[in-house]
């Protein structure tokens, strides 16, 4: 039986169950590829609960559940290059958080859906940055990703597009992505606390959703290296596209009537 005390009144039991299911799916994507959880989680979950609550919830559960991925990433990642990009997130995260606290929920959902759709197109296009390393570019990429993370925890595609285009092994690229988001999540946590987004409702709901998300992350990590990355990536793209469509506010009357 679901602990009723962990479910905020503005969410409800049915929505909480749905958010748990979405959390497992998005956690699996996160554990396998190092990114992708927010692109699936945010459009869908924000159609079931206020975007501010959903963003805070995802930040809490991802910060904790992804922690076991950090030691291996620290061992294999390019820590110096990642540190340069992280400096951009120091500026981008607070700016994104500011907009999250100022926009109304429906406008935020439209922005999340539009932005995730644009980032999905970027991923599907196969675009990769293959130029030389530049300090300003690295910081700019980190800033853009940080802004996306602050607004909706969707900072993956800019970082992924950048690192996958670098002449490094897939294992190193994945490790760099994990390290970046460990730092970005820390900045987001501080920013959300200062903005009052990390509240009792978010913490309680995280106790319910977090374990489900963690199982998904662990399951995805087991799949890494054992399954076809091309097939799994294609499945993730389809899920992200469906999440964007189903999460559109215009469909509330059809899919979420009553």
C-alpha atoms as a PDB file:
ATOM      1  CA  UNK A   1       0.000   0.000   0.000  1.00  0.00           C
ATOM      2  CA  UNK A   2       1.268   3.460  -0.928  1.00  0.00           C
ATOM      3  CA  UNK A   3       2.153   5.621   2.126  1.00  0.00           C
ATOM      4  CA  UNK A   4      -0.485   8.364   1.944  1.00  0.00           C
ATOM      5  CA  UNK A   5       1.548  10.702   4.113  1.00  0.00           C
ATOM      6  CA  UNK A   6       4.202  10.984   1.409  1.00  0.00           C
ATOM      7  CA  UNK A   7       1.777  12.148  -1.301  1.00  0.00           C
ATOM      8  CA  UNK A   8       1.098  15.916  -1.417  1.00  0.00           C
ATOM      9  CA  UNK A   9      -2.575  16.896  -1.541  1.00  0.00           C
ATOM     10  CA  UNK A  10      -2.056  18.722  -4.846  1.00  0.00           C
ATOM     11  CA  UNK A  11      -0.734  15.539  -6.466  1.00  0.00           C
ATOM     12  CA  UNK A  12      -3.070  12.703  -5.451  1.00  0.00           C
ATOM     13  CA  UNK A  13      -2.629   8.931  -5.404  1.00  0.00           C
ATOM     14  CA  UNK A  14      -3.228   8.247  -9.105  1.00  0.00           C
ATOM     15  CA  UNK A  15      -0.759  10.907 -10.154  1.00  0.00           C
ATOM     16  CA  UNK A  16       1.806   9.636  -7.624  1.00  0.00           C
ATOM     17  CA  UNK A  17       1.572   6.123  -9.086  1.00  0.00           C
ATOM     18  CA  UNK A  18       2.007   7.547 -12.574  1.00  0.00           C
ATOM     19  CA  UNK A  19       5.026   9.595 -11.483  1.00  0.00           C
ATOM     20  CA  UNK A  20       6.607   6.455  -9.979  1.00  0.00           C
ATOM     21  CA  UNK A  21       6.195   4.607 -13.281  1.00  0.00           C
ATOM     22  CA  UNK A  22       7.721   7.519 -15.178  1.00  0.00           C
ATOM     23  CA  UNK A  23      10.572   7.640 -12.645  1.00  0.00           C
ATOM     24  CA  UNK A  24      11.529   4.014 -13.303  1.00  0.00           C
ATOM     25  CA  UNK A  25      11.534   4.574 -17.057  1.00  0.00           C
ATOM     26  CA  UNK A  26      13.548   7.776 -16.880  1.00  0.00           C
ATOM     27  CA  UNK A  27      15.919   6.276 -14.295  1.00  0.00           C
ATOM     28  CA  UNK A  28      16.697   3.408 -16.638  1.00  0.00           C
ATOM     29  CA  UNK A  29      17.644   5.887 -19.366  1.00  0.00           C
ATOM     30  CA  UNK A  30      19.821   7.814 -16.898  1.00  0.00           C
ATOM     31  CA  UNK A  31      21.672   4.739 -15.671  1.00  0.00           C
ATOM     32  CA  UNK A  32      22.381   3.476 -19.155  1.00  0.00           C
ATOM     33  CA  UNK A  33      23.441   6.611 -21.002  1.00  0.00           C
ATOM     34  CA  UNK A  34      24.296   9.059 -18.233  1.00  0.00           C
ATOM     35  CA  UNK A  35      21.539  11.432 -19.354  1.00  0.00           C
ATOM     36  CA  UNK A  36      17.969  11.465 -20.659  1.00  0.00           C
ATOM     37  CA  UNK A  37      16.023  11.158 -17.427  1.00  0.00           C
ATOM     38  CA  UNK A  38      14.704  14.726 -17.394  1.00  0.00           C
ATOM     39  CA  UNK A  39      13.746  14.649 -21.074  1.00  0.00           C
ATOM     40  CA  UNK A  40      11.375  11.789 -20.282  1.00  0.00           C
ATOM     41  CA  UNK A  41      10.408  12.727 -16.740  1.00  0.00           C
ATOM     42  CA  UNK A  42       9.718  16.471 -16.956  1.00  0.00           C
ATOM     43  CA  UNK A  43       7.156  16.653 -19.807  1.00  0.00           C
ATOM     44  CA  UNK A  44       5.103  13.777 -18.389  1.00  0.00           C
ATOM     45  CA  UNK A  45       5.389  14.356 -14.652  1.00  0.00           C
ATOM     46  CA  UNK A  46       4.780  18.104 -14.964  1.00  0.00           C
ATOM     47  CA  UNK A  47       1.417  17.284 -16.518  1.00  0.00           C
ATOM     48  CA  UNK A  48       0.513  15.447 -13.295  1.00  0.00           C
ATOM     49  CA  UNK A  49       1.951  17.835 -10.716  1.00  0.00           C
ATOM     50  CA  UNK A  50       3.166  21.484 -10.587  1.00  0.00           C
ATOM     51  CA  UNK A  51       6.408  21.934 -12.611  1.00  0.00           C
ATOM     52  CA  UNK A  52       8.175  23.524  -9.642  1.00  0.00           C
ATOM     53  CA  UNK A  53       7.455  20.475  -7.500  1.00  0.00           C
ATOM     54  CA  UNK A  54       8.404  18.082 -10.295  1.00  0.00           C
ATOM     55  CA  UNK A  55      11.721  19.818 -11.011  1.00  0.00           C
ATOM     56  CA  UNK A  56      12.619  19.819  -7.310  1.00  0.00           C
ATOM     57  CA  UNK A  57      11.581  16.168  -7.016  1.00  0.00           C
ATOM     58  CA  UNK A  58      13.724  15.092  -9.962  1.00  0.00           C
ATOM     59  CA  UNK A  59      16.699  17.023  -8.630  1.00  0.00           C
ATOM     60  CA  UNK A  60      16.485  15.355  -5.221  1.00  0.00           C
ATOM     61  CA  UNK A  61      16.068  11.801  -6.474  1.00  0.00           C
ATOM     62  CA  UNK A  62      18.644  12.143  -9.262  1.00  0.00           C
ATOM     63  CA  UNK A  63      21.216  13.698  -6.943  1.00  0.00           C
ATOM     64  CA  UNK A  64      20.944  10.734  -4.584  1.00  0.00           C
ATOM     65  CA  UNK A  65      20.311   7.870  -7.005  1.00  0.00           C
ATOM     66  CA  UNK A  66      23.078   8.832  -9.428  1.00  0.00           C
ATOM     67  CA  UNK A  67      25.708   9.105  -6.674  1.00  0.00           C
ATOM     68  CA  UNK A  68      26.903   5.478  -7.152  1.00  0.00           C
ATOM     69  CA  UNK A  69      27.834   6.347 -10.758  1.00  0.00           C
ATOM     70  CA  UNK A  70      30.295   9.036  -9.652  1.00  0.00           C
ATOM     71  CA  UNK A  71      33.284   6.934  -8.424  1.00  0.00           C
ATOM     72  CA  UNK A  72      33.613   5.092 -11.731  1.00  0.00           C
ATOM     73  CA  UNK A  73      33.122   8.345 -13.657  1.00  0.00           C
ATOM     74  CA  UNK A  74      35.803  10.036 -11.536  1.00  0.00           C
ATOM     75  CA  UNK A  75      38.179   7.214 -12.412  1.00  0.00           C
ATOM     76  CA  UNK A  76      37.598   7.278 -16.174  1.00  0.00           C
ATOM     77  CA  UNK A  77      36.587  10.883 -16.866  1.00  0.00           C
ATOM     78  CA  UNK A  78      38.603  13.876 -18.038  1.00  0.00           C
ATOM     79  CA  UNK A  79      38.292  15.870 -14.826  1.00  0.00           C
ATOM     80  CA  UNK A  80      40.164  18.965 -16.034  1.00  0.00           C
ATOM     81  CA  UNK A  81      38.064  19.410 -19.175  1.00  0.00           C
ATOM     82  CA  UNK A  82      34.871  18.762 -17.226  1.00  0.00           C
ATOM     83  CA  UNK A  83      35.814  21.348 -14.597  1.00  0.00           C
ATOM     84  CA  UNK A  84      36.045  24.048 -17.274  1.00  0.00           C
ATOM     85  CA  UNK A  85      32.526  23.317 -18.524  1.00  0.00           C
ATOM     86  CA  UNK A  86      31.209  23.164 -14.973  1.00  0.00           C
ATOM     87  CA  UNK A  87      32.213  26.813 -14.423  1.00  0.00           C
ATOM     88  CA  UNK A  88      29.595  27.827 -16.988  1.00  0.00           C
ATOM     89  CA  UNK A  89      26.910  25.993 -15.047  1.00  0.00           C
ATOM     90  CA  UNK A  90      27.682  28.175 -12.023  1.00  0.00           C
ATOM     91  CA  UNK A  91      26.055  31.060 -13.903  1.00  0.00           C
ATOM     92  CA  UNK A  92      23.476  29.170 -15.955  1.00  0.00           C
ATOM     93  CA  UNK A  93      21.799  27.253 -13.131  1.00  0.00           C
ATOM     94  CA  UNK A  94      20.721  30.286 -11.038  1.00  0.00           C
ATOM     95  CA  UNK A  95      19.369  32.055 -14.138  1.00  0.00           C
ATOM     96  CA  UNK A  96      17.269  29.035 -15.101  1.00  0.00           C
ATOM     97  CA  UNK A  97      16.042  28.696 -11.518  1.00  0.00           C
ATOM     98  CA  UNK A  98      14.969  32.332 -11.522  1.00  0.00           C
ATOM     99  CA  UNK A  99      12.733  31.795 -14.558  1.00  0.00           C
ATOM    100  CA  UNK A 100      11.273  28.633 -13.022  1.00  0.00           C
ATOM    101  CA  UNK A 101      10.161  30.595  -9.958  1.00  0.00           C
ATOM    102  CA  UNK A 102       8.693  33.474 -11.976  1.00  0.00           C
ATOM    103  CA  UNK A 103       6.689  31.698 -14.684  1.00  0.00           C
ATOM    104  CA  UNK A 104       3.189  30.292 -14.180  1.00  0.00           C
ATOM    105  CA  UNK A 105       2.843  26.449 -14.321  1.00  0.00           C
ATOM    106  CA  UNK A 106       1.173  26.240 -17.759  1.00  0.00           C
ATOM    107  CA  UNK A 107       3.717  28.564 -19.379  1.00  0.00           C
ATOM    108  CA  UNK A 108       6.508  26.556 -17.783  1.00  0.00           C
ATOM    109  CA  UNK A 109       5.036  23.328 -19.172  1.00  0.00           C
ATOM    110  CA  UNK A 110       4.847  24.809 -22.674  1.00  0.00           C
ATOM    111  CA  UNK A 111       8.450  25.967 -22.432  1.00  0.00           C
ATOM    112  CA  UNK A 112       9.556  22.551 -21.137  1.00  0.00           C
ATOM    113  CA  UNK A 113       7.740  20.727 -23.955  1.00  0.00           C
ATOM    114  CA  UNK A 114       9.058  23.096 -26.638  1.00  0.00           C
ATOM    115  CA  UNK A 115      12.582  23.039 -25.294  1.00  0.00           C
ATOM    116  CA  UNK A 116      12.702  19.261 -24.889  1.00  0.00           C
ATOM    117  CA  UNK A 117      11.329  18.859 -28.431  1.00  0.00           C
ATOM    118  CA  UNK A 118      14.067  21.153 -29.769  1.00  0.00           C
ATOM    119  CA  UNK A 119      16.748  19.265 -27.857  1.00  0.00           C
ATOM    120  CA  UNK A 120      15.373  15.977 -29.160  1.00  0.00           C
ATOM    121  CA  UNK A 121      15.651  17.283 -32.731  1.00  0.00           C
ATOM    122  CA  UNK A 122      19.256  18.229 -31.952  1.00  0.00           C
ATOM    123  CA  UNK A 123      19.981  14.696 -30.758  1.00  0.00           C
ATOM    124  CA  UNK A 124      18.187  13.066 -33.699  1.00  0.00           C
ATOM    125  CA  UNK A 125      20.043  15.258 -36.180  1.00  0.00           C
ATOM    126  CA  UNK A 126      23.235  13.521 -35.205  1.00  0.00           C
ATOM    127  CA  UNK A 127      24.926  16.888 -34.713  1.00  0.00           C
ATOM    128  CA  UNK A 128      28.215  16.733 -32.890  1.00  0.00           C
ATOM    129  CA  UNK A 129      30.690  19.503 -32.278  1.00  0.00           C
ATOM    130  CA  UNK A 130      33.902  18.354 -33.934  1.00  0.00           C
ATOM    131  CA  UNK A 131      35.912  21.557 -33.822  1.00  0.00           C
ATOM    132  CA  UNK A 132      38.806  22.468 -31.596  1.00  0.00           C
ATOM    133  CA  UNK A 133      38.523  23.024 -27.864  1.00  0.00           C
ATOM    134  CA  UNK A 134      37.988  26.664 -26.916  1.00  0.00           C
ATOM    135  CA  UNK A 135      37.721  27.960 -23.372  1.00  0.00           C
ATOM    136  CA  UNK A 136      34.843  30.334 -24.183  1.00  0.00           C
ATOM    137  CA  UNK A 137      32.925  27.629 -26.044  1.00  0.00           C
ATOM    138  CA  UNK A 138      33.327  25.123 -23.214  1.00  0.00           C
ATOM    139  CA  UNK A 139      32.114  27.629 -20.642  1.00  0.00           C
ATOM    140  CA  UNK A 140      29.238  28.633 -22.940  1.00  0.00           C
ATOM    141  CA  UNK A 141      28.115  25.030 -23.346  1.00  0.00           C
ATOM    142  CA  UNK A 142      28.213  24.607 -19.584  1.00  0.00           C
ATOM    143  CA  UNK A 143      26.211  27.796 -19.119  1.00  0.00           C
ATOM    144  CA  UNK A 144      23.532  26.710 -21.595  1.00  0.00           C
ATOM    145  CA  UNK A 145      23.260  23.299 -19.998  1.00  0.00           C
ATOM    146  CA  UNK A 146      23.144  24.889 -16.553  1.00  0.00           C
ATOM    147  CA  UNK A 147      20.300  27.185 -17.614  1.00  0.00           C
ATOM    148  CA  UNK A 148      18.325  24.207 -18.936  1.00  0.00           C
ATOM    149  CA  UNK A 149      18.989  22.346 -15.698  1.00  0.00           C
ATOM    150  CA  UNK A 150      17.902  25.270 -13.546  1.00  0.00           C
ATOM    151  CA  UNK A 151      14.674  25.745 -15.509  1.00  0.00           C
ATOM    152  CA  UNK A 152      13.627  22.124 -15.940  1.00  0.00           C
ATOM    153  CA  UNK A 153      16.544  19.765 -15.195  1.00  0.00           C
ATOM    154  CA  UNK A 154      16.920  19.232 -18.974  1.00  0.00           C
ATOM    155  CA  UNK A 155      20.563  20.128 -19.461  1.00  0.00           C
ATOM    156  CA  UNK A 156      21.664  16.887 -21.119  1.00  0.00           C
ATOM    157  CA  UNK A 157      21.614  17.436 -24.913  1.00  0.00           C
ATOM    158  CA  UNK A 158      24.069  20.383 -25.121  1.00  0.00           C
ATOM    159  CA  UNK A 159      26.598  18.485 -23.017  1.00  0.00           C
ATOM    160  CA  UNK A 160      25.989  15.182 -24.802  1.00  0.00           C
ATOM    161  CA  UNK A 161      26.250  16.789 -28.241  1.00  0.00           C
ATOM    162  CA  UNK A 162      29.526  18.387 -27.226  1.00  0.00           C
ATOM    163  CA  UNK A 163      31.200  15.388 -25.602  1.00  0.00           C
ATOM    164  CA  UNK A 164      30.155  12.819 -28.172  1.00  0.00           C
ATOM    165  CA  UNK A 165      31.760  14.971 -30.825  1.00  0.00           C
ATOM    166  CA  UNK A 166      35.115  14.994 -29.102  1.00  0.00           C
ATOM    167  CA  UNK A 167      37.822  12.494 -30.095  1.00  0.00           C
ATOM    168  CA  UNK A 168      37.460  10.456 -26.905  1.00  0.00           C
ATOM    169  CA  UNK A 169      36.242   6.952 -26.128  1.00  0.00           C
ATOM    170  CA  UNK A 170      32.555   6.426 -25.360  1.00  0.00           C
ATOM    171  CA  UNK A 171      33.440   5.377 -21.809  1.00  0.00           C
ATOM    172  CA  UNK A 172      35.264   8.670 -21.200  1.00  0.00           C
ATOM    173  CA  UNK A 173      32.490  10.732 -22.777  1.00  0.00           C
ATOM    174  CA  UNK A 174      29.885   9.028 -20.591  1.00  0.00           C
ATOM    175  CA  UNK A 175      32.067   9.538 -17.512  1.00  0.00           C
ATOM    176  CA  UNK A 176      32.455  13.251 -18.307  1.00  0.00           C
ATOM    177  CA  UNK A 177      28.685  13.591 -18.660  1.00  0.00           C
ATOM    178  CA  UNK A 178      28.116  11.908 -15.289  1.00  0.00           C
ATOM    179  CA  UNK A 179      30.716  14.150 -13.609  1.00  0.00           C
ATOM    180  CA  UNK A 180      29.226  17.298 -15.102  1.00  0.00           C
ATOM    181  CA  UNK A 181      25.754  16.477 -13.864  1.00  0.00           C
ATOM    182  CA  UNK A 182      27.040  15.600 -10.415  1.00  0.00           C
ATOM    183  CA  UNK A 183      28.395  19.155 -10.167  1.00  0.00           C
ATOM    184  CA  UNK A 184      25.392  20.698 -11.927  1.00  0.00           C
ATOM    185  CA  UNK A 185      22.986  18.921  -9.574  1.00  0.00           C
ATOM    186  CA  UNK A 186      24.920  20.299  -6.612  1.00  0.00           C
ATOM    187  CA  UNK A 187      24.597  23.844  -7.977  1.00  0.00           C
ATOM    188  CA  UNK A 188      20.918  23.265  -8.708  1.00  0.00           C
ATOM    189  CA  UNK A 189      20.352  21.940  -5.198  1.00  0.00           C
ATOM    190  CA  UNK A 190      21.850  25.078  -3.662  1.00  0.00           C
ATOM    191  CA  UNK A 191      19.933  27.311  -6.075  1.00  0.00           C
ATOM    192  CA  UNK A 192      16.620  25.528  -5.457  1.00  0.00           C
ATOM    193  CA  UNK A 193      17.071  25.701  -1.687  1.00  0.00           C
ATOM    194  CA  UNK A 194      17.688  29.455  -1.856  1.00  0.00           C
ATOM    195  CA  UNK A 195      14.643  29.868  -4.114  1.00  0.00           C
ATOM    196  CA  UNK A 196      12.447  27.886  -1.725  1.00  0.00           C
ATOM    197  CA  UNK A 197      11.755  25.124  -4.256  1.00  0.00           C
ATOM    198  CA  UNK A 198      13.080  22.344  -2.018  1.00  0.00           C
ATOM    199  CA  UNK A 199      10.147  22.127   0.385  1.00  0.00           C
ATOM    200  CA  UNK A 200       8.549  19.501   2.604  1.00  0.00           C
ATOM    201  CA  UNK A 201       6.226  18.266  -0.176  1.00  0.00           C
ATOM    202  CA  UNK A 202       9.171  17.662  -2.530  1.00  0.00           C
ATOM    203  CA  UNK A 203      11.155  15.862   0.163  1.00  0.00           C
ATOM    204  CA  UNK A 204       8.249  13.638   1.179  1.00  0.00           C
ATOM    205  CA  UNK A 205       7.404  12.732  -2.404  1.00  0.00           C
ATOM    206  CA  UNK A 206      11.074  11.958  -3.065  1.00  0.00           C
ATOM    207  CA  UNK A 207      10.939   9.306  -0.331  1.00  0.00           C
ATOM    208  CA  UNK A 208       8.243   7.568  -2.357  1.00  0.00           C
ATOM    209  CA  UNK A 209       9.528   8.113  -5.896  1.00  0.00           C
ATOM    210  CA  UNK A 210      13.260   7.983  -5.128  1.00  0.00           C
ATOM    211  CA  UNK A 211      13.591   4.225  -4.524  1.00  0.00           C
ATOM    212  CA  UNK A 212      11.737   3.479  -7.767  1.00  0.00           C
ATOM    213  CA  UNK A 213      14.000   5.857  -9.668  1.00  0.00           C
ATOM    214  CA  UNK A 214      17.095   4.318  -8.049  1.00  0.00           C
ATOM    215  CA  UNK A 215      16.034   0.851  -9.189  1.00  0.00           C
ATOM    216  CA  UNK A 216      15.692   2.225 -12.710  1.00  0.00           C
ATOM    217  CA  UNK A 217      19.160   3.805 -12.567  1.00  0.00           C
ATOM    218  CA  UNK A 218      20.698   0.539 -11.319  1.00  0.00           C
ATOM    219  CA  UNK A 219      18.890  -1.425 -14.017  1.00  0.00           C
ATOM    220  CA  UNK A 220      20.092   0.973 -16.718  1.00  0.00           C
ATOM    221  CA  UNK A 221      23.675   0.799 -15.437  1.00  0.00           C
ATOM    222  CA  UNK A 222      23.561  -2.989 -15.731  1.00  0.00           C
ATOM    223  CA  UNK A 223      22.465  -2.659 -19.339  1.00  0.00           C
ATOM    224  CA  UNK A 224      25.394  -0.403 -20.242  1.00  0.00           C
ATOM    225  CA  UNK A 225      27.894  -2.467 -22.194  1.00  0.00           C
ATOM    226  CA  UNK A 226      25.530  -5.452 -22.388  1.00  0.00           C
ATOM    227  CA  UNK A 227      22.948  -4.143 -24.804  1.00  0.00           C
ATOM    228  CA  UNK A 228      23.078  -2.454 -28.186  1.00  0.00           C
ATOM    229  CA  UNK A 229      23.535   1.248 -27.533  1.00  0.00           C
ATOM    230  CA  UNK A 230      22.022   2.107 -30.919  1.00  0.00           C
ATOM    231  CA  UNK A 231      18.820   0.180 -30.192  1.00  0.00           C
ATOM    232  CA  UNK A 232      18.506   1.509 -26.665  1.00  0.00           C
ATOM    233  CA  UNK A 233      19.200   5.072 -27.811  1.00  0.00           C
ATOM    234  CA  UNK A 234      16.491   4.737 -30.450  1.00  0.00           C
ATOM    235  CA  UNK A 235      14.040   3.544 -27.788  1.00  0.00           C
ATOM    236  CA  UNK A 236      14.961   6.500 -25.571  1.00  0.00           C
ATOM    237  CA  UNK A 237      14.333   8.918 -28.431  1.00  0.00           C
ATOM    238  CA  UNK A 238      10.896   7.411 -29.042  1.00  0.00           C
ATOM    239  CA  UNK A 239      10.044   7.634 -25.351  1.00  0.00           C
ATOM    240  CA  UNK A 240      11.178  11.256 -25.210  1.00  0.00           C
ATOM    241  CA  UNK A 241       9.047  12.118 -28.255  1.00  0.00           C
ATOM    242  CA  UNK A 242       6.006  10.424 -26.703  1.00  0.00           C
ATOM    243  CA  UNK A 243       6.670  12.221 -23.420  1.00  0.00           C
ATOM    244  CA  UNK A 244       6.641  15.586 -25.192  1.00  0.00           C
ATOM    245  CA  UNK A 245       3.371  14.811 -27.011  1.00  0.00           C
ATOM    246  CA  UNK A 246       1.537  13.336 -24.022  1.00  0.00           C
ATOM    247  CA  UNK A 247       2.757  16.126 -21.743  1.00  0.00           C
ATOM    248  CA  UNK A 248       1.430  18.988 -23.924  1.00  0.00           C
ATOM    249  CA  UNK A 249      -0.952  21.226 -21.930  1.00  0.00           C
ATOM    250  CA  UNK A 250      -3.316  21.365 -24.912  1.00  0.00           C
ATOM    251  CA  UNK A 251      -4.096  17.658 -24.364  1.00  0.00           C
ATOM    252  CA  UNK A 252      -5.075  18.069 -20.716  1.00  0.00           C
ATOM    253  CA  UNK A 253      -8.776  17.980 -21.505  1.00  0.00           C
ATOM    254  CA  UNK A 254      -8.377  14.764 -23.500  1.00  0.00           C
ATOM    255  CA  UNK A 255      -5.823  12.753 -21.514  1.00  0.00           C
ATOM    256  CA  UNK A 256      -6.271  14.194 -18.039  1.00  0.00           C
ATOM    257  CA  UNK A 257      -9.942  15.084 -17.919  1.00  0.00           C
ATOM    258  CA  UNK A 258     -11.194  15.253 -14.376  1.00  0.00           C
END
